[in-house]
């Protein structure tokens, strides 16, 4: 893997380690200079009942915008998980 900028640039910006995850690039600019920026919890309905799911927030150092990780379990703007919604649609069709 090649780094997007030189190592001295990381030191100048105060970044101590580079994370290797699918969420390390900014949504708007595609920049790799992101840091963790807190988290929040979502209370979503799963098959086992209502549970709290932690969602990590990130901050882009290039554009100063924050964004949250998109979990495959959660649907944006819905109280129900993706599995519960899929089950409801399947039962409605059959």
PDB file of N, CA and C in Angstrom:
ATOM      1  N   UNK A   1       0.836  -1.180   0.000  1.00  0.00           N
ATOM      2  CA  UNK A   1       0.000   0.000   0.000  1.00  0.00           C
ATOM      3  C   UNK A   1       0.876   1.235   0.000  1.00  0.00           C
ATOM      4  N   UNK A   2       0.611   2.152  -0.854  1.00  0.00           N
ATOM      5  CA  UNK A   2       1.360   3.396  -0.870  1.00  0.00           C
ATOM      6  C   UNK A   2       0.567   4.466  -0.128  1.00  0.00           C
ATOM      7  N   UNK A   3       1.283   5.259   0.645  1.00  0.00           N
ATOM      8  CA  UNK A   3       0.633   6.316   1.401  1.00  0.00           C
ATOM      9  C   UNK A   3       0.321   7.478   0.468  1.00  0.00           C
ATOM     10  N   UNK A   4      -0.791   8.174   0.679  1.00  0.00           N
ATOM     11  CA  UNK A   4      -1.175   9.258  -0.211  1.00  0.00           C
ATOM     12  C   UNK A   4      -0.279  10.490  -0.096  1.00  0.00           C
ATOM     13  N   UNK A   5       0.372  10.693   1.061  1.00  0.00           N
ATOM     14  CA  UNK A   5       1.277  11.825   1.236  1.00  0.00           C
ATOM     15  C   UNK A   5       2.537  11.321   1.921  1.00  0.00           C
ATOM     16  N   UNK A   6       3.556  12.146   1.947  1.00  0.00           N
ATOM     17  CA  UNK A   6       4.814  11.749   2.548  1.00  0.00           C
ATOM     18  C   UNK A   6       4.703  11.677   4.062  1.00  0.00           C
ATOM     19  N   UNK A   7       5.566  10.883   4.684  1.00  0.00           N
ATOM     20  CA  UNK A   7       5.562  10.699   6.136  1.00  0.00           C
ATOM     21  C   UNK A   7       5.774  12.024   6.877  1.00  0.00           C
ATOM     22  N   UNK A   8       6.667  12.920   6.457  1.00  0.00           N
ATOM     23  CA  UNK A   8       6.796  14.200   7.177  1.00  0.00           C
ATOM     24  C   UNK A   8       5.482  14.982   7.235  1.00  0.00           C
ATOM     25  N   UNK A   9       4.617  14.831   6.236  1.00  0.00           N
ATOM     26  CA  UNK A   9       3.316  15.508   6.255  1.00  0.00           C
ATOM     27  C   UNK A   9       2.442  14.959   7.379  1.00  0.00           C
ATOM     28  N   UNK A  10       2.508  13.653   7.622  1.00  0.00           N
ATOM     29  CA  UNK A  10       1.762  13.051   8.732  1.00  0.00           C
ATOM     30  C   UNK A  10       2.271  13.597  10.063  1.00  0.00           C
ATOM     31  N   UNK A  11       3.586  13.727  10.199  1.00  0.00           N
ATOM     32  CA  UNK A  11       4.174  14.235  11.440  1.00  0.00           C
ATOM     33  C   UNK A  11       3.776  15.687  11.656  1.00  0.00           C
ATOM     34  N   UNK A  12       3.785  16.481  10.590  1.00  0.00           N
ATOM     35  CA  UNK A  12       3.420  17.892  10.701  1.00  0.00           C
ATOM     36  C   UNK A  12       1.976  18.058  11.152  1.00  0.00           C
ATOM     37  N   UNK A  13       1.088  17.185  10.687  1.00  0.00           N
ATOM     38  CA  UNK A  13      -0.325  17.277  11.052  1.00  0.00           C
ATOM     39  C   UNK A  13      -0.633  16.622  12.396  1.00  0.00           C
ATOM     40  N   UNK A  14       0.353  15.955  13.004  1.00  0.00           N
ATOM     41  CA  UNK A  14       0.154  15.360  14.318  1.00  0.00           C
ATOM     42  C   UNK A  14      -0.538  14.014  14.276  1.00  0.00           C
ATOM     43  N   UNK A  15      -0.509  13.336  13.153  1.00  0.00           N
ATOM     44  CA  UNK A  15      -1.137  12.027  13.041  1.00  0.00           C
ATOM     45  C   UNK A  15      -0.121  10.984  13.473  1.00  0.00           C
ATOM     46  N   UNK A  16      -0.478  10.169  14.458  1.00  0.00           N
ATOM     47  CA  UNK A  16       0.481   9.216  15.003  1.00  0.00           C
ATOM     48  C   UNK A  16       0.387   7.843  14.358  1.00  0.00           C
ATOM     49  N   UNK A  17      -0.768   7.484  13.844  1.00  0.00           N
ATOM     50  CA  UNK A  17      -0.877   6.189  13.191  1.00  0.00           C
ATOM     51  C   UNK A  17      -1.895   6.259  12.066  1.00  0.00           C
ATOM     52  N   UNK A  18      -1.728   5.404  11.088  1.00  0.00           N
ATOM     53  CA  UNK A  18      -2.620   5.357   9.948  1.00  0.00           C
ATOM     54  C   UNK A  18      -3.523   4.149  10.123  1.00  0.00           C
ATOM     55  N   UNK A  19      -4.830   4.387  10.080  1.00  0.00           N
ATOM     56  CA  UNK A  19      -5.788   3.292  10.216  1.00  0.00           C
ATOM     57  C   UNK A  19      -6.020   2.647   8.865  1.00  0.00           C
ATOM     58  N   UNK A  20      -6.140   1.337   8.867  1.00  0.00           N
ATOM     59  CA  UNK A  20      -6.430   0.608   7.639  1.00  0.00           C
ATOM     60  C   UNK A  20      -7.850   0.087   7.742  1.00  0.00           C
ATOM     61  N   UNK A  21      -8.797   0.848   7.275  1.00  0.00           N
ATOM     62  CA  UNK A  21     -10.185   0.401   7.282  1.00  0.00           C
ATOM     63  C   UNK A  21     -10.891   0.986   6.072  1.00  0.00           C
ATOM     64  N   UNK A  22     -12.086   0.513   5.841  1.00  0.00           N
ATOM     65  CA  UNK A  22     -12.834   1.016   4.703  1.00  0.00           C
ATOM     66  C   UNK A  22     -13.407   2.399   4.960  1.00  0.00           C
ATOM     67  N   UNK A  23     -13.315   2.890   6.197  1.00  0.00           N
ATOM     68  CA  UNK A  23     -13.893   4.179   6.540  1.00  0.00           C
ATOM     69  C   UNK A  23     -12.848   5.275   6.633  1.00  0.00           C
ATOM     70  N   UNK A  24     -11.609   5.015   6.237  1.00  0.00           N
ATOM     71  CA  UNK A  24     -10.564   5.999   6.438  1.00  0.00           C
ATOM     72  C   UNK A  24     -10.563   7.093   5.381  1.00  0.00           C
ATOM     73  N   UNK A  25     -11.292   6.939   4.302  1.00  0.00           N
ATOM     74  CA  UNK A  25     -11.335   7.997   3.298  1.00  0.00           C
ATOM     75  C   UNK A  25     -12.576   8.856   3.491  1.00  0.00           C
ATOM     76  N   UNK A  26     -12.415  10.143   3.257  1.00  0.00           N
ATOM     77  CA  UNK A  26     -13.515  11.087   3.396  1.00  0.00           C
ATOM     78  C   UNK A  26     -14.550  10.855   2.302  1.00  0.00           C
ATOM     79  N   UNK A  27     -15.803  11.058   2.638  1.00  0.00           N
ATOM     80  CA  UNK A  27     -16.886  10.878   1.674  1.00  0.00           C
ATOM     81  C   UNK A  27     -16.852  11.962   0.604  1.00  0.00           C
ATOM     82  N   UNK A  28     -16.570  13.202   0.992  1.00  0.00           N
ATOM     83  CA  UNK A  28     -16.602  14.324   0.049  1.00  0.00           C
ATOM     84  C   UNK A  28     -15.339  14.440  -0.797  1.00  0.00           C
ATOM     85  N   UNK A  29     -14.170  14.410  -0.150  1.00  0.00           N
ATOM     86  CA  UNK A  29     -12.924  14.675  -0.862  1.00  0.00           C
ATOM     87  C   UNK A  29     -12.125  13.427  -1.195  1.00  0.00           C
ATOM     88  N   UNK A  30     -12.389  12.320  -0.527  1.00  0.00           N
ATOM     89  CA  UNK A  30     -11.610  11.107  -0.735  1.00  0.00           C
ATOM     90  C   UNK A  30     -10.260  11.152  -0.040  1.00  0.00           C
ATOM     91  N   UNK A  31     -10.076  12.098   0.860  1.00  0.00           N
ATOM     92  CA  UNK A  31      -8.805  12.265   1.564  1.00  0.00           C
ATOM     93  C   UNK A  31      -8.603  11.155   2.589  1.00  0.00           C
ATOM     94  N   UNK A  32      -7.347  10.768   2.792  1.00  0.00           N
ATOM     95  CA  UNK A  32      -7.008   9.743   3.781  1.00  0.00           C
ATOM     96  C   UNK A  32      -6.720  10.354   5.145  1.00  0.00           C
ATOM     97  N   UNK A  33      -6.712  11.666   5.247  1.00  0.00           N
ATOM     98  CA  UNK A  33      -6.405  12.332   6.512  1.00  0.00           C
ATOM     99  C   UNK A  33      -7.669  12.454   7.351  1.00  0.00           C
ATOM    100  N   UNK A  34      -8.048  11.368   7.999  1.00  0.00           N
ATOM    101  CA  UNK A  34      -9.231  11.374   8.855  1.00  0.00           C
ATOM    102  C   UNK A  34      -8.840  10.938  10.253  1.00  0.00           C
ATOM    103  N   UNK A  35      -9.596  11.426  11.236  1.00  0.00           N
ATOM    104  CA  UNK A  35      -9.399  11.021  12.625  1.00  0.00           C
ATOM    105  C   UNK A  35     -10.745  10.649  13.210  1.00  0.00           C
ATOM    106  N   UNK A  36     -10.726   9.852  14.275  1.00  0.00           N
ATOM    107  CA  UNK A  36     -11.965   9.510  14.961  1.00  0.00           C
ATOM    108  C   UNK A  36     -12.499  10.753  15.654  1.00  0.00           C
ATOM    109  N   UNK A  37     -13.815  10.923  15.617  1.00  0.00           N
ATOM    110  CA  UNK A  37     -14.433  12.139  16.145  1.00  0.00           C
ATOM    111  C   UNK A  37     -15.640  11.788  17.004  1.00  0.00           C
ATOM    112  N   UNK A  38     -15.462  10.881  17.950  1.00  0.00           N
ATOM    113  CA  UNK A  38     -16.548  10.512  18.847  1.00  0.00           C
ATOM    114  C   UNK A  38     -17.448   9.445  18.253  1.00  0.00           C
ATOM    115  N   UNK A  39     -18.556   9.218  18.912  1.00  0.00           N
ATOM    116  CA  UNK A  39     -19.519   8.222  18.453  1.00  0.00           C
ATOM    117  C   UNK A  39     -20.889   8.563  19.021  1.00  0.00           C
ATOM    118  N   UNK A  40     -21.887   7.879  18.509  1.00  0.00           N
ATOM    119  CA  UNK A  40     -23.225   8.008  19.070  1.00  0.00           C
ATOM    120  C   UNK A  40     -23.885   6.640  19.024  1.00  0.00           C
ATOM    121  N   UNK A  41     -24.954   6.480  19.774  1.00  0.00           N
ATOM    122  CA  UNK A  41     -25.649   5.194  19.804  1.00  0.00           C
ATOM    123  C   UNK A  41     -26.997   5.321  19.124  1.00  0.00           C
ATOM    124  N   UNK A  42     -27.367   4.269  18.429  1.00  0.00           N
ATOM    125  CA  UNK A  42     -28.693   4.178  17.818  1.00  0.00           C
ATOM    126  C   UNK A  42     -29.418   3.016  18.454  1.00  0.00           C
ATOM    127  N   UNK A  43     -30.633   3.243  18.858  1.00  0.00           N
ATOM    128  CA  UNK A  43     -31.456   2.172  19.417  1.00  0.00           C
ATOM    129  C   UNK A  43     -32.302   1.614  18.293  1.00  0.00           C
ATOM    130  N   UNK A  44     -31.912   0.475  17.785  1.00  0.00           N
ATOM    131  CA  UNK A  44     -32.574  -0.104  16.633  1.00  0.00           C
ATOM    132  C   UNK A  44     -33.193  -1.450  16.996  1.00  0.00           C
ATOM    133  N   UNK A  45     -34.221  -1.819  16.277  1.00  0.00           N
ATOM    134  CA  UNK A  45     -34.904  -3.088  16.501  1.00  0.00           C
ATOM    135  C   UNK A  45     -34.224  -4.187  15.706  1.00  0.00           C
ATOM    136  N   UNK A  46     -33.803  -5.246  16.397  1.00  0.00           N
ATOM    137  CA  UNK A  46     -33.247  -6.444  15.792  1.00  0.00           C
ATOM    138  C   UNK A  46     -34.203  -7.593  16.059  1.00  0.00           C
ATOM    139  N   UNK A  47     -33.887  -8.783  15.565  1.00  0.00           N
ATOM    140  CA  UNK A  47     -34.734  -9.947  15.842  1.00  0.00           C
ATOM    141  C   UNK A  47     -34.749 -10.295  17.326  1.00  0.00           C
ATOM    142  N   UNK A  48     -33.701  -9.949  18.037  1.00  0.00           N
ATOM    143  CA  UNK A  48     -33.611 -10.257  19.470  1.00  0.00           C
ATOM    144  C   UNK A  48     -34.225  -9.174  20.346  1.00  0.00           C
ATOM    145  N   UNK A  49     -34.773  -8.140  19.751  1.00  0.00           N
ATOM    146  CA  UNK A  49     -35.365  -7.041  20.504  1.00  0.00           C
ATOM    147  C   UNK A  49     -34.634  -5.743  20.198  1.00  0.00           C
ATOM    148  N   UNK A  50     -34.937  -4.715  20.959  1.00  0.00           N
ATOM    149  CA  UNK A  50     -34.327  -3.412  20.737  1.00  0.00           C
ATOM    150  C   UNK A  50     -32.959  -3.369  21.408  1.00  0.00           C
ATOM    151  N   UNK A  51     -31.942  -2.970  20.639  1.00  0.00           N
ATOM    152  CA  UNK A  51     -30.586  -2.923  21.164  1.00  0.00           C
ATOM    153  C   UNK A  51     -29.914  -1.621  20.769  1.00  0.00           C
ATOM    154  N   UNK A  52     -28.923  -1.230  21.571  1.00  0.00           N
ATOM    155  CA  UNK A  52     -28.127  -0.046  21.271  1.00  0.00           C
ATOM    156  C   UNK A  52     -26.948  -0.457  20.392  1.00  0.00           C
ATOM    157  N   UNK A  53     -26.777   0.247  19.287  1.00  0.00           N
ATOM    158  CA  UNK A  53     -25.676  -0.001  18.362  1.00  0.00           C
ATOM    159  C   UNK A  53     -24.828   1.265  18.313  1.00  0.00           C
ATOM    160  N   UNK A  54     -23.514   1.123  18.546  1.00  0.00           N
ATOM    161  CA  UNK A  54     -22.599   2.256  18.545  1.00  0.00           C
ATOM    162  C   UNK A  54     -22.153   2.554  17.112  1.00  0.00           C
ATOM    163  N   UNK A  55     -22.230   3.840  16.720  1.00  0.00           N
ATOM    164  CA  UNK A  55     -21.818   4.276  15.388  1.00  0.00           C
ATOM    165  C   UNK A  55     -20.653   5.246  15.552  1.00  0.00           C
ATOM    166  N   UNK A  56     -19.525   4.936  14.923  1.00  0.00           N
ATOM    167  CA  UNK A  56     -18.315   5.751  15.022  1.00  0.00           C
ATOM    168  C   UNK A  56     -18.390   6.946  14.076  1.00  0.00           C
ATOM    169  N   UNK A  57     -17.993   8.126  14.559  1.00  0.00           N
ATOM    170  CA  UNK A  57     -17.912   9.331  13.741  1.00  0.00           C
ATOM    171  C   UNK A  57     -16.455   9.580  13.366  1.00  0.00           C
ATOM    172  N   UNK A  58     -16.231  10.200  12.200  1.00  0.00           N
ATOM    173  CA  UNK A  58     -14.891  10.532  11.726  1.00  0.00           C
ATOM    174  C   UNK A  58     -14.872  11.984  11.275  1.00  0.00           C
ATOM    175  N   UNK A  59     -13.699  12.600  11.329  1.00  0.00           N
ATOM    176  CA  UNK A  59     -13.508  13.981  10.904  1.00  0.00           C
ATOM    177  C   UNK A  59     -12.416  14.009   9.842  1.00  0.00           C
ATOM    178  N   UNK A  60     -12.712  14.633   8.719  1.00  0.00           N
ATOM    179  CA  UNK A  60     -11.743  14.782   7.633  1.00  0.00           C
ATOM    180  C   UNK A  60     -10.885  16.010   7.921  1.00  0.00           C
ATOM    181  N   UNK A  61      -9.581  15.829   7.948  1.00  0.00           N
ATOM    182  CA  UNK A  61      -8.685  16.958   8.205  1.00  0.00           C
ATOM    183  C   UNK A  61      -8.550  17.867   6.989  1.00  0.00           C
ATOM    184  N   UNK A  62      -8.807  17.348   5.794  1.00  0.00           N
ATOM    185  CA  UNK A  62      -8.653  18.142   4.579  1.00  0.00           C
ATOM    186  C   UNK A  62      -9.808  19.129   4.402  1.00  0.00           C
ATOM    187  N   UNK A  63     -11.045  18.658   4.609  1.00  0.00           N
ATOM    188  CA  UNK A  63     -12.200  19.532   4.360  1.00  0.00           C
ATOM    189  C   UNK A  63     -12.942  19.921   5.641  1.00  0.00           C
ATOM    190  N   UNK A  64     -12.522  19.405   6.795  1.00  0.00           N
ATOM    191  CA  UNK A  64     -13.103  19.718   8.104  1.00  0.00           C
ATOM    192  C   UNK A  64     -14.571  19.336   8.209  1.00  0.00           C
ATOM    193  N   UNK A  65     -14.994  18.308   7.467  1.00  0.00           N
ATOM    194  CA  UNK A  65     -16.360  17.811   7.570  1.00  0.00           C
ATOM    195  C   UNK A  65     -16.347  16.480   8.326  1.00  0.00           C
ATOM    196  N   UNK A  66     -17.420  16.212   9.041  1.00  0.00           N
ATOM    197  CA  UNK A  66     -17.504  14.952   9.764  1.00  0.00           C
ATOM    198  C   UNK A  66     -18.522  14.042   9.091  1.00  0.00           C
ATOM    199  N   UNK A  67     -18.334  12.753   9.273  1.00  0.00           N
ATOM    200  CA  UNK A  67     -19.237  11.759   8.721  1.00  0.00           C
ATOM    201  C   UNK A  67     -19.225  10.543   9.622  1.00  0.00           C
ATOM    202  N   UNK A  68     -20.226   9.702   9.498  1.00  0.00           N
ATOM    203  CA  UNK A  68     -20.311   8.499  10.318  1.00  0.00           C
ATOM    204  C   UNK A  68     -20.156   7.261   9.445  1.00  0.00           C
ATOM    205  N   UNK A  69     -19.705   6.185  10.080  1.00  0.00           N
ATOM    206  CA  UNK A  69     -19.563   4.925   9.375  1.00  0.00           C
ATOM    207  C   UNK A  69     -20.941   4.392   9.008  1.00  0.00           C
ATOM    208  N   UNK A  70     -21.060   3.824   7.833  1.00  0.00           N
ATOM    209  CA  UNK A  70     -22.321   3.242   7.388  1.00  0.00           C
ATOM    210  C   UNK A  70     -22.273   1.741   7.656  1.00  0.00           C
ATOM    211  N   UNK A  71     -22.995   1.304   8.638  1.00  0.00           N
ATOM    212  CA  UNK A  71     -23.018  -0.104   9.004  1.00  0.00           C
ATOM    213  C   UNK A  71     -23.937  -0.875   8.063  1.00  0.00           C
ATOM    214  N   UNK A  72     -23.540  -2.082   7.651  1.00  0.00           N
ATOM    215  CA  UNK A  72     -24.436  -2.885   6.819  1.00  0.00           C
ATOM    216  C   UNK A  72     -25.657  -3.365   7.594  1.00  0.00           C
ATOM    217  N   UNK A  73     -25.593  -3.315   8.916  1.00  0.00           N
ATOM    218  CA  UNK A  73     -26.711  -3.741   9.752  1.00  0.00           C
ATOM    219  C   UNK A  73     -27.817  -2.697   9.799  1.00  0.00           C
ATOM    220  N   UNK A  74     -27.453  -1.404   9.734  1.00  0.00           N
ATOM    221  CA  UNK A  74     -28.411  -0.318   9.922  1.00  0.00           C
ATOM    222  C   UNK A  74     -28.878   0.271   8.605  1.00  0.00           C
ATOM    223  N   UNK A  75     -30.113   0.778   8.611  1.00  0.00           N
ATOM    224  CA  UNK A  75     -30.675   1.498   7.468  1.00  0.00           C
ATOM    225  C   UNK A  75     -30.807   2.949   7.887  1.00  0.00           C
ATOM    226  N   UNK A  76     -30.315   3.857   7.054  1.00  0.00           N
ATOM    227  CA  UNK A  76     -30.355   5.277   7.398  1.00  0.00           C
ATOM    228  C   UNK A  76     -31.798   5.759   7.539  1.00  0.00           C
ATOM    229  N   UNK A  77     -32.094   6.407   8.666  1.00  0.00           N
ATOM    230  CA  UNK A  77     -33.407   6.976   8.896  1.00  0.00           C
ATOM    231  C   UNK A  77     -34.479   5.973   9.299  1.00  0.00           C
ATOM    232  N   UNK A  78     -34.086   4.771   9.695  1.00  0.00           N
ATOM    233  CA  UNK A  78     -35.063   3.753  10.061  1.00  0.00           C
ATOM    234  C   UNK A  78     -34.806   3.251  11.474  1.00  0.00           C
ATOM    235  N   UNK A  79     -35.860   2.874  12.161  1.00  0.00           N
ATOM    236  CA  UNK A  79     -35.727   2.301  13.495  1.00  0.00           C
ATOM    237  C   UNK A  79     -35.416   0.820  13.439  1.00  0.00           C
ATOM    238  N   UNK A  80     -35.603   0.196  12.286  1.00  0.00           N
ATOM    239  CA  UNK A  80     -35.459  -1.249  12.150  1.00  0.00           C
ATOM    240  C   UNK A  80     -34.188  -1.595  11.394  1.00  0.00           C
ATOM    241  N   UNK A  81     -33.562  -2.703  11.782  1.00  0.00           N
ATOM    242  CA  UNK A  81     -32.342  -3.127  11.104  1.00  0.00           C
ATOM    243  C   UNK A  81     -32.681  -3.645   9.707  1.00  0.00           C
ATOM    244  N   UNK A  82     -31.651  -3.819   8.907  1.00  0.00           N
ATOM    245  CA  UNK A  82     -31.826  -4.293   7.540  1.00  0.00           C
ATOM    246  C   UNK A  82     -32.455  -5.682   7.517  1.00  0.00           C
ATOM    247  N   UNK A  83     -32.098  -6.561   8.465  1.00  0.00           N
ATOM    248  CA  UNK A  83     -32.641  -7.914   8.528  1.00  0.00           C
ATOM    249  C   UNK A  83     -34.138  -7.901   8.823  1.00  0.00           C
ATOM    250  N   UNK A  84     -34.548  -7.056   9.760  1.00  0.00           N
ATOM    251  CA  UNK A  84     -35.966  -6.978  10.130  1.00  0.00           C
ATOM    252  C   UNK A  84     -36.788  -6.436   8.969  1.00  0.00           C
ATOM    253  N   UNK A  85     -36.277  -5.411   8.294  1.00  0.00           N
ATOM    254  CA  UNK A  85     -36.991  -4.863   7.135  1.00  0.00           C
ATOM    255  C   UNK A  85     -37.108  -5.891   6.019  1.00  0.00           C
ATOM    256  N   UNK A  86     -36.024  -6.638   5.771  1.00  0.00           N
ATOM    257  CA  UNK A  86     -36.046  -7.648   4.711  1.00  0.00           C
ATOM    258  C   UNK A  86     -37.045  -8.750   5.041  1.00  0.00           C
ATOM    259  N   UNK A  87     -37.098  -9.167   6.297  1.00  0.00           N
ATOM    260  CA  UNK A  87     -38.046 -10.183   6.724  1.00  0.00           C
ATOM    261  C   UNK A  87     -39.484  -9.699   6.551  1.00  0.00           C
ATOM    262  N   UNK A  88     -39.751  -8.448   6.890  1.00  0.00           N
ATOM    263  CA  UNK A  88     -41.107  -7.900   6.749  1.00  0.00           C
ATOM    264  C   UNK A  88     -41.518  -7.851   5.285  1.00  0.00           C
ATOM    265  N   UNK A  89     -40.625  -7.465   4.403  1.00  0.00           N
ATOM    266  CA  UNK A  89     -40.927  -7.417   2.970  1.00  0.00           C
ATOM    267  C   UNK A  89     -41.167  -8.821   2.438  1.00  0.00           C
ATOM    268  N   UNK A  90     -40.339  -9.787   2.839  1.00  0.00           N
ATOM    269  CA  UNK A  90     -40.505 -11.165   2.395  1.00  0.00           C
ATOM    270  C   UNK A  90     -41.853 -11.740   2.850  1.00  0.00           C
ATOM    271  N   UNK A  91     -42.244 -11.458   4.087  1.00  0.00           N
ATOM    272  CA  UNK A  91     -43.520 -11.964   4.592  1.00  0.00           C
ATOM    273  C   UNK A  91     -44.708 -11.282   3.916  1.00  0.00           C
ATOM    274  N   UNK A  92     -44.545 -10.029   3.559  1.00  0.00           N
ATOM    275  CA  UNK A  92     -45.626  -9.294   2.889  1.00  0.00           C
ATOM    276  C   UNK A  92     -45.855  -9.837   1.475  1.00  0.00           C
ATOM    277  N   UNK A  93     -44.758 -10.198   0.786  1.00  0.00           N
ATOM    278  CA  UNK A  93     -44.873 -10.713  -0.570  1.00  0.00           C
ATOM    279  C   UNK A  93     -45.408 -12.146  -0.602  1.00  0.00           C
ATOM    280  N   UNK A  94     -45.191 -12.911   0.445  1.00  0.00           N
ATOM    281  CA  UNK A  94     -45.606 -14.332   0.427  1.00  0.00           C
ATOM    282  C   UNK A  94     -46.862 -14.571   1.168  1.00  0.00           C
TER     283      UNK A  94
END
